[in-house]
Amino acid sequence: MWLTALLAMSHRGARRGMSLPGSFRDRLRNPPGKRRKKIFVEPIAPEEWKFYEGDIVEILKGKDKGKQGRVIDVIKERNWVVVRGLNTHYRLLMKTDRSPGMFIQSEAPLLVNDVALIEPADRKATPVEWRYTAEGERVRVSTLTGRIIPLPPEQRKDGIIPSQWKAGPKDTLPEHAVEKTYKASLLLFEEELMQNMGIVEPRRPRKSYWY
């Protein structure tokens, strides 16, 4: 019990970054006992969040101002969005005493205040707000034109969109996965195998006694 409380106290200074909580890189940046400077973030209610993975946005500030790209990651704890191929920087990896390492290009996060959604009709940046339709559906609406900006199709972390997935010849369909093909039996595995293959065993084991 005391060890759990000690570990909880040691992670009070942990700070959410680009790495997933609990991952190897996250543990390297937030080792037990290390207290990092607290980052104050303006809270955004979950029902007021307007950016999702797959949205097309335009950058409003910085070196890539005016460029448009697709959101590939959302970190709500820091009000961050990551846009594919934009706001990039170089990181040095795998540097050792024997190897100089290598630089890789990666996307840095952007604050939600520094990006704007793109309206599909005219491909221009626009502020949006949540509204309700006559049918009671909650949608994102452009405050400039009043057009509805639909939510992007839900996709998995590997980029596959379940609603657009087409099964191949080697894929198992959901209805096949839940199909019950096993039939309960009181026979042993060997007896079931002999029965299915038509093997007849006339021999009988000799009786044995424990005394």
C-alpha atoms as a PDB file:
ATOM      1  CA  MET A   1       0.000   0.000   0.000  1.00  0.00           C
ATOM      2  CA  TRP A   2       2.759   2.428   0.895  1.00  0.00           C
ATOM      3  CA  LEU A   3       4.620   1.598  -2.324  1.00  0.00           C
ATOM      4  CA  THR A   4       1.557   2.492  -4.418  1.00  0.00           C
ATOM      5  CA  ALA A   5       1.194   5.802  -2.602  1.00  0.00           C
ATOM      6  CA  LEU A   6       4.914   6.523  -3.059  1.00  0.00           C
ATOM      7  CA  LEU A   7       4.734   5.854  -6.797  1.00  0.00           C
ATOM      8  CA  ALA A   8       1.652   8.052  -7.104  1.00  0.00           C
ATOM      9  CA  MET A   9       3.452  10.907  -5.373  1.00  0.00           C
ATOM     10  CA  SER A  10       6.539  10.428  -7.539  1.00  0.00           C
ATOM     11  CA  HIS A  11       4.489  10.870 -10.748  1.00  0.00           C
ATOM     12  CA  ARG A  12       2.781  14.109  -9.733  1.00  0.00           C
ATOM     13  CA  GLY A  13       5.303  16.035 -11.782  1.00  0.00           C
ATOM     14  CA  ALA A  14       4.704  13.961 -14.928  1.00  0.00           C
ATOM     15  CA  ARG A  15       3.813  15.977 -17.992  1.00  0.00           C
ATOM     16  CA  ARG A  16       1.782  14.781 -20.957  1.00  0.00           C
ATOM     17  CA  GLY A  17       3.664  14.972 -24.243  1.00  0.00           C
ATOM     18  CA  MET A  18       3.575  13.410 -27.683  1.00  0.00           C
ATOM     19  CA  SER A  19       4.266   9.917 -26.362  1.00  0.00           C
ATOM     20  CA  LEU A  20       1.478   7.698 -25.115  1.00  0.00           C
ATOM     21  CA  PRO A  21       1.151   7.582 -21.302  1.00  0.00           C
ATOM     22  CA  GLY A  22       3.003   4.574 -19.950  1.00  0.00           C
ATOM     23  CA  SER A  23       5.077   4.043 -23.104  1.00  0.00           C
ATOM     24  CA  PHE A  24       8.855   3.642 -23.031  1.00  0.00           C
ATOM     25  CA  ARG A  25       9.495   7.177 -24.296  1.00  0.00           C
ATOM     26  CA  ASP A  26       6.995   8.591 -21.792  1.00  0.00           C
ATOM     27  CA  ARG A  27       8.759   6.812 -18.911  1.00  0.00           C
ATOM     28  CA  LEU A  28      12.094   8.204 -20.088  1.00  0.00           C
ATOM     29  CA  ARG A  29      10.751  11.764 -20.010  1.00  0.00           C
ATOM     30  CA  ASN A  30       8.904  11.286 -16.714  1.00  0.00           C
ATOM     31  CA  PRO A  31      11.014   9.026 -14.486  1.00  0.00           C
ATOM     32  CA  PRO A  32       9.811   8.440 -10.916  1.00  0.00           C
ATOM     33  CA  GLY A  33      10.815  11.292  -8.624  1.00  0.00           C
ATOM     34  CA  LYS A  34      11.358  13.868 -11.383  1.00  0.00           C
ATOM     35  CA  ARG A  35       9.135  16.926 -11.200  1.00  0.00           C
ATOM     36  CA  ARG A  36       8.720  18.848 -14.452  1.00  0.00           C
ATOM     37  CA  LYS A  37       7.427  22.387 -14.776  1.00  0.00           C
ATOM     38  CA  LYS A  38       3.640  22.406 -14.845  1.00  0.00           C
ATOM     39  CA  ILE A  39       1.998  23.491 -18.098  1.00  0.00           C
ATOM     40  CA  PHE A  40      -1.229  25.416 -17.624  1.00  0.00           C
ATOM     41  CA  VAL A  41      -3.751  24.581 -20.337  1.00  0.00           C
ATOM     42  CA  GLU A  42      -7.067  26.290 -20.907  1.00  0.00           C
ATOM     43  CA  PRO A  43      -9.591  23.485 -20.433  1.00  0.00           C
ATOM     44  CA  ILE A  44     -11.920  22.653 -23.306  1.00  0.00           C
ATOM     45  CA  ALA A  45     -15.039  20.692 -22.482  1.00  0.00           C
ATOM     46  CA  PRO A  46     -15.279  17.377 -24.347  1.00  0.00           C
ATOM     47  CA  GLU A  47     -18.579  18.411 -25.909  1.00  0.00           C
ATOM     48  CA  GLU A  48     -16.979  21.633 -27.228  1.00  0.00           C
ATOM     49  CA  TRP A  49     -13.994  19.944 -28.905  1.00  0.00           C
ATOM     50  CA  LYS A  50     -14.087  20.644 -32.662  1.00  0.00           C
ATOM     51  CA  PHE A  51     -11.054  18.849 -34.140  1.00  0.00           C
ATOM     52  CA  TYR A  52     -10.822  15.145 -34.892  1.00  0.00           C
ATOM     53  CA  GLU A  53      -8.387  12.833 -36.631  1.00  0.00           C
ATOM     54  CA  GLY A  54      -8.939  13.040 -40.375  1.00  0.00           C
ATOM     55  CA  ASP A  55     -10.020  16.703 -40.447  1.00  0.00           C
ATOM     56  CA  ILE A  56      -8.471  19.042 -43.028  1.00  0.00           C
ATOM     57  CA  VAL A  57      -7.151  22.190 -41.344  1.00  0.00           C
ATOM     58  CA  GLU A  58      -5.191  25.306 -42.261  1.00  0.00           C
ATOM     59  CA  ILE A  59      -2.324  26.632 -40.143  1.00  0.00           C
ATOM     60  CA  LEU A  60      -2.838  30.240 -39.045  1.00  0.00           C
ATOM     61  CA  LYS A  61       0.553  30.973 -37.431  1.00  0.00           C
ATOM     62  CA  GLY A  62       4.195  29.980 -37.756  1.00  0.00           C
ATOM     63  CA  LYS A  63       6.469  29.008 -40.602  1.00  0.00           C
ATOM     64  CA  ASP A  64       3.752  26.981 -42.366  1.00  0.00           C
ATOM     65  CA  LYS A  65       1.092  29.678 -42.184  1.00  0.00           C
ATOM     66  CA  GLY A  66      -1.510  29.286 -44.923  1.00  0.00           C
ATOM     67  CA  LYS A  67      -0.726  25.625 -45.625  1.00  0.00           C
ATOM     68  CA  GLN A  68      -3.377  22.934 -45.335  1.00  0.00           C
ATOM     69  CA  GLY A  69      -3.047  19.369 -44.139  1.00  0.00           C
ATOM     70  CA  ARG A  70      -4.774  16.444 -42.499  1.00  0.00           C
ATOM     71  CA  VAL A  71      -4.923  15.977 -38.718  1.00  0.00           C
ATOM     72  CA  ILE A  72      -3.244  12.697 -37.805  1.00  0.00           C
ATOM     73  CA  ASP A  73      -3.272  12.955 -34.009  1.00  0.00           C
ATOM     74  CA  VAL A  74      -5.198  14.793 -31.299  1.00  0.00           C
ATOM     75  CA  ILE A  75      -3.924  15.326 -27.738  1.00  0.00           C
ATOM     76  CA  LYS A  76      -6.757  16.884 -25.779  1.00  0.00           C
ATOM     77  CA  GLU A  77      -4.740  17.072 -22.544  1.00  0.00           C
ATOM     78  CA  ARG A  78      -2.575  19.804 -24.088  1.00  0.00           C
ATOM     79  CA  ASN A  79      -5.035  21.256 -26.671  1.00  0.00           C
ATOM     80  CA  TRP A  80      -2.790  19.915 -29.423  1.00  0.00           C
ATOM     81  CA  VAL A  81      -3.343  18.692 -32.946  1.00  0.00           C
ATOM     82  CA  VAL A  82      -0.698  17.168 -35.209  1.00  0.00           C
ATOM     83  CA  VAL A  83      -0.892  17.850 -38.951  1.00  0.00           C
ATOM     84  CA  ARG A  84       0.749  15.443 -41.371  1.00  0.00           C
ATOM     85  CA  GLY A  85       3.865  16.876 -43.025  1.00  0.00           C
ATOM     86  CA  LEU A  86       3.542  20.367 -41.507  1.00  0.00           C
ATOM     87  CA  ASN A  87       5.227  22.202 -38.617  1.00  0.00           C
ATOM     88  CA  THR A  88       8.056  19.674 -38.791  1.00  0.00           C
ATOM     89  CA  HIS A  89      11.392  19.628 -37.008  1.00  0.00           C
ATOM     90  CA  TYR A  90      14.370  17.295 -36.990  1.00  0.00           C
ATOM     91  CA  ARG A  91      15.309  14.996 -34.133  1.00  0.00           C
ATOM     92  CA  LEU A  92      18.610  13.236 -33.547  1.00  0.00           C
ATOM     93  CA  LEU A  93      18.162   9.539 -32.800  1.00  0.00           C
ATOM     94  CA  MET A  94      20.409   6.588 -32.005  1.00  0.00           C
ATOM     95  CA  LYS A  95      23.496   8.655 -31.249  1.00  0.00           C
ATOM     96  CA  THR A  96      26.179   6.636 -29.434  1.00  0.00           C
ATOM     97  CA  ASP A  97      29.935   6.784 -28.875  1.00  0.00           C
ATOM     98  CA  ARG A  98      30.451   4.752 -32.055  1.00  0.00           C
ATOM     99  CA  SER A  99      27.649   6.153 -34.186  1.00  0.00           C
ATOM    100  CA  PRO A 100      26.850   9.793 -34.993  1.00  0.00           C
ATOM    101  CA  GLY A 101      23.163   8.957 -35.117  1.00  0.00           C
ATOM    102  CA  MET A 102      20.637  10.088 -37.675  1.00  0.00           C
ATOM    103  CA  PHE A 103      18.208  12.969 -38.056  1.00  0.00           C
ATOM    104  CA  ILE A 104      14.562  12.177 -38.750  1.00  0.00           C
ATOM    105  CA  GLN A 105      11.788  14.584 -39.617  1.00  0.00           C
ATOM    106  CA  SER A 106       8.722  14.577 -37.377  1.00  0.00           C
ATOM    107  CA  GLU A 107       5.659  16.746 -36.934  1.00  0.00           C
ATOM    108  CA  ALA A 108       5.475  19.026 -33.907  1.00  0.00           C
ATOM    109  CA  PRO A 109       2.073  19.636 -32.286  1.00  0.00           C
ATOM    110  CA  LEU A 110       0.043  22.783 -32.863  1.00  0.00           C
ATOM    111  CA  LEU A 111      -2.370  24.517 -30.514  1.00  0.00           C
ATOM    112  CA  VAL A 112      -6.001  24.379 -31.572  1.00  0.00           C
ATOM    113  CA  ASN A 113      -6.013  28.205 -31.622  1.00  0.00           C
ATOM    114  CA  ASP A 114      -3.343  28.113 -34.350  1.00  0.00           C
ATOM    115  CA  VAL A 115      -5.378  26.051 -36.820  1.00  0.00           C
ATOM    116  CA  ALA A 116      -8.797  26.383 -38.472  1.00  0.00           C
ATOM    117  CA  LEU A 117     -11.063  23.864 -40.134  1.00  0.00           C
ATOM    118  CA  ILE A 118     -11.390  23.832 -43.908  1.00  0.00           C
ATOM    119  CA  GLU A 119     -14.824  24.028 -45.470  1.00  0.00           C
ATOM    120  CA  PRO A 120     -15.098  21.254 -48.096  1.00  0.00           C
ATOM    121  CA  ALA A 121     -17.099  23.450 -50.524  1.00  0.00           C
ATOM    122  CA  ASP A 122     -14.549  26.239 -51.150  1.00  0.00           C
ATOM    123  CA  ARG A 123     -11.430  24.834 -49.387  1.00  0.00           C
ATOM    124  CA  LYS A 124     -11.117  27.958 -47.213  1.00  0.00           C
ATOM    125  CA  ALA A 125     -10.472  28.237 -43.487  1.00  0.00           C
ATOM    126  CA  THR A 126     -13.491  29.006 -41.375  1.00  0.00           C
ATOM    127  CA  PRO A 127     -14.407  29.162 -37.672  1.00  0.00           C
ATOM    128  CA  VAL A 128     -17.044  26.641 -36.645  1.00  0.00           C
ATOM    129  CA  GLU A 129     -19.488  26.071 -33.837  1.00  0.00           C
ATOM    130  CA  TRP A 130     -21.765  23.267 -32.719  1.00  0.00           C
ATOM    131  CA  ARG A 131     -25.432  23.539 -33.644  1.00  0.00           C
ATOM    132  CA  TYR A 132     -28.468  21.303 -33.864  1.00  0.00           C
ATOM    133  CA  THR A 133     -30.400  20.474 -37.001  1.00  0.00           C
ATOM    134  CA  ALA A 134     -34.198  20.307 -37.243  1.00  0.00           C
ATOM    135  CA  GLU A 135     -33.925  16.535 -36.657  1.00  0.00           C
ATOM    136  CA  GLY A 136     -31.978  17.109 -33.437  1.00  0.00           C
ATOM    137  CA  GLU A 137     -28.593  16.030 -34.815  1.00  0.00           C
ATOM    138  CA  ARG A 138     -25.555  17.855 -33.411  1.00  0.00           C
ATOM    139  CA  VAL A 139     -23.298  19.071 -36.246  1.00  0.00           C
ATOM    140  CA  ARG A 140     -20.388  21.420 -36.880  1.00  0.00           C
ATOM    141  CA  VAL A 141     -21.450  24.524 -38.798  1.00  0.00           C
ATOM    142  CA  SER A 142     -19.310  27.206 -40.435  1.00  0.00           C
ATOM    143  CA  THR A 143     -20.036  30.592 -38.871  1.00  0.00           C
ATOM    144  CA  LEU A 144     -19.177  32.335 -42.179  1.00  0.00           C
ATOM    145  CA  THR A 145     -21.363  30.424 -44.626  1.00  0.00           C
ATOM    146  CA  GLY A 146     -23.661  28.358 -42.399  1.00  0.00           C
ATOM    147  CA  ARG A 147     -22.694  25.131 -44.171  1.00  0.00           C
ATOM    148  CA  ILE A 148     -22.349  21.892 -42.247  1.00  0.00           C
ATOM    149  CA  ILE A 149     -18.830  20.482 -41.949  1.00  0.00           C
ATOM    150  CA  PRO A 150     -19.265  16.723 -41.495  1.00  0.00           C
ATOM    151  CA  LEU A 151     -17.178  14.752 -39.052  1.00  0.00           C
ATOM    152  CA  PRO A 152     -14.402  12.667 -40.650  1.00  0.00           C
ATOM    153  CA  PRO A 153     -14.989   8.911 -40.815  1.00  0.00           C
ATOM    154  CA  GLU A 154     -13.747   7.127 -37.710  1.00  0.00           C
ATOM    155  CA  GLN A 155     -10.440   5.401 -38.297  1.00  0.00           C
ATOM    156  CA  ARG A 156      -8.148   3.180 -36.300  1.00  0.00           C
ATOM    157  CA  LYS A 157      -4.591   4.012 -35.281  1.00  0.00           C
ATOM    158  CA  ASP A 158      -3.257   2.069 -38.286  1.00  0.00           C
ATOM    159  CA  GLY A 159      -5.215   4.327 -40.658  1.00  0.00           C
ATOM    160  CA  ILE A 160      -7.909   1.803 -41.591  1.00  0.00           C
ATOM    161  CA  ILE A 161     -11.453   3.170 -41.787  1.00  0.00           C
ATOM    162  CA  PRO A 162     -13.795   0.351 -40.677  1.00  0.00           C
ATOM    163  CA  SER A 163     -16.773   1.753 -42.611  1.00  0.00           C
ATOM    164  CA  GLN A 164     -14.768   1.729 -45.867  1.00  0.00           C
ATOM    165  CA  TRP A 165     -12.905  -1.536 -45.328  1.00  0.00           C
ATOM    166  CA  LYS A 166     -13.371  -4.221 -47.969  1.00  0.00           C
ATOM    167  CA  ALA A 167     -12.594  -7.756 -46.882  1.00  0.00           C
ATOM    168  CA  GLY A 168     -10.110  -9.704 -48.963  1.00  0.00           C
ATOM    169  CA  PRO A 169     -10.022 -13.416 -49.738  1.00  0.00           C
ATOM    170  CA  LYS A 170      -7.926 -14.156 -46.638  1.00  0.00           C
ATOM    171  CA  ASP A 171      -9.872 -11.950 -44.212  1.00  0.00           C
ATOM    172  CA  THR A 172     -12.281 -13.411 -41.660  1.00  0.00           C
ATOM    173  CA  LEU A 173     -15.695 -11.813 -41.812  1.00  0.00           C
ATOM    174  CA  PRO A 174     -17.391 -10.839 -38.512  1.00  0.00           C
ATOM    175  CA  GLU A 175     -20.270 -13.233 -39.089  1.00  0.00           C
ATOM    176  CA  HIS A 176     -17.805 -16.075 -39.607  1.00  0.00           C
ATOM    177  CA  ALA A 177     -15.873 -15.145 -36.462  1.00  0.00           C
ATOM    178  CA  VAL A 178     -18.956 -15.404 -34.231  1.00  0.00           C
ATOM    179  CA  GLU A 179     -20.325 -18.500 -35.939  1.00  0.00           C
ATOM    180  CA  LYS A 180     -20.545 -21.476 -33.570  1.00  0.00           C
ATOM    181  CA  THR A 181     -18.887 -24.436 -35.248  1.00  0.00           C
ATOM    182  CA  TYR A 182     -17.942 -26.507 -32.211  1.00  0.00           C
ATOM    183  CA  LYS A 183     -20.278 -29.303 -31.198  1.00  0.00           C
ATOM    184  CA  ALA A 184     -19.992 -30.516 -27.626  1.00  0.00           C
ATOM    185  CA  SER A 185     -19.219 -34.193 -27.222  1.00  0.00           C
ATOM    186  CA  LEU A 186     -18.408 -36.611 -24.409  1.00  0.00           C
ATOM    187  CA  LEU A 187     -15.827 -38.429 -26.535  1.00  0.00           C
ATOM    188  CA  LEU A 188     -12.122 -37.961 -26.054  1.00  0.00           C
ATOM    189  CA  PHE A 189     -10.058 -36.194 -28.696  1.00  0.00           C
ATOM    190  CA  GLU A 190      -8.662 -39.499 -29.942  1.00  0.00           C
ATOM    191  CA  GLU A 191     -12.125 -41.036 -30.048  1.00  0.00           C
ATOM    192  CA  GLU A 192     -13.523 -38.079 -32.023  1.00  0.00           C
ATOM    193  CA  LEU A 193     -10.611 -38.347 -34.457  1.00  0.00           C
ATOM    194  CA  MET A 194     -11.188 -42.068 -34.954  1.00  0.00           C
ATOM    195  CA  GLN A 195     -14.906 -41.510 -35.439  1.00  0.00           C
ATOM    196  CA  ASN A 196     -14.398 -38.791 -38.067  1.00  0.00           C
ATOM    197  CA  MET A 197     -11.793 -40.821 -39.960  1.00  0.00           C
ATOM    198  CA  GLY A 198     -13.692 -44.101 -39.730  1.00  0.00           C
ATOM    199  CA  ILE A 199     -11.012 -45.903 -37.745  1.00  0.00           C
ATOM    200  CA  VAL A 200     -12.183 -48.987 -35.870  1.00  0.00           C
ATOM    201  CA  GLU A 201     -10.066 -50.236 -32.994  1.00  0.00           C
ATOM    202  CA  PRO A 202     -11.044 -53.806 -32.029  1.00  0.00           C
ATOM    203  CA  ARG A 203      -8.364 -54.103 -29.372  1.00  0.00           C
ATOM    204  CA  ARG A 204      -9.268 -53.509 -25.773  1.00  0.00           C
ATOM    205  CA  PRO A 205      -6.837 -52.567 -23.019  1.00  0.00           C
ATOM    206  CA  ARG A 206      -6.128 -55.205 -20.399  1.00  0.00           C
ATOM    207  CA  LYS A 207      -7.754 -54.530 -17.076  1.00  0.00           C
ATOM    208  CA  SER A 208      -5.423 -53.324 -14.370  1.00  0.00           C
ATOM    209  CA  TYR A 209      -5.919 -53.198 -10.632  1.00  0.00           C
ATOM    210  CA  TRP A 210      -4.351 -50.972  -8.049  1.00  0.00           C
ATOM    211  CA  TYR A 211      -3.603 -53.803  -5.641  1.00  0.00           C
END
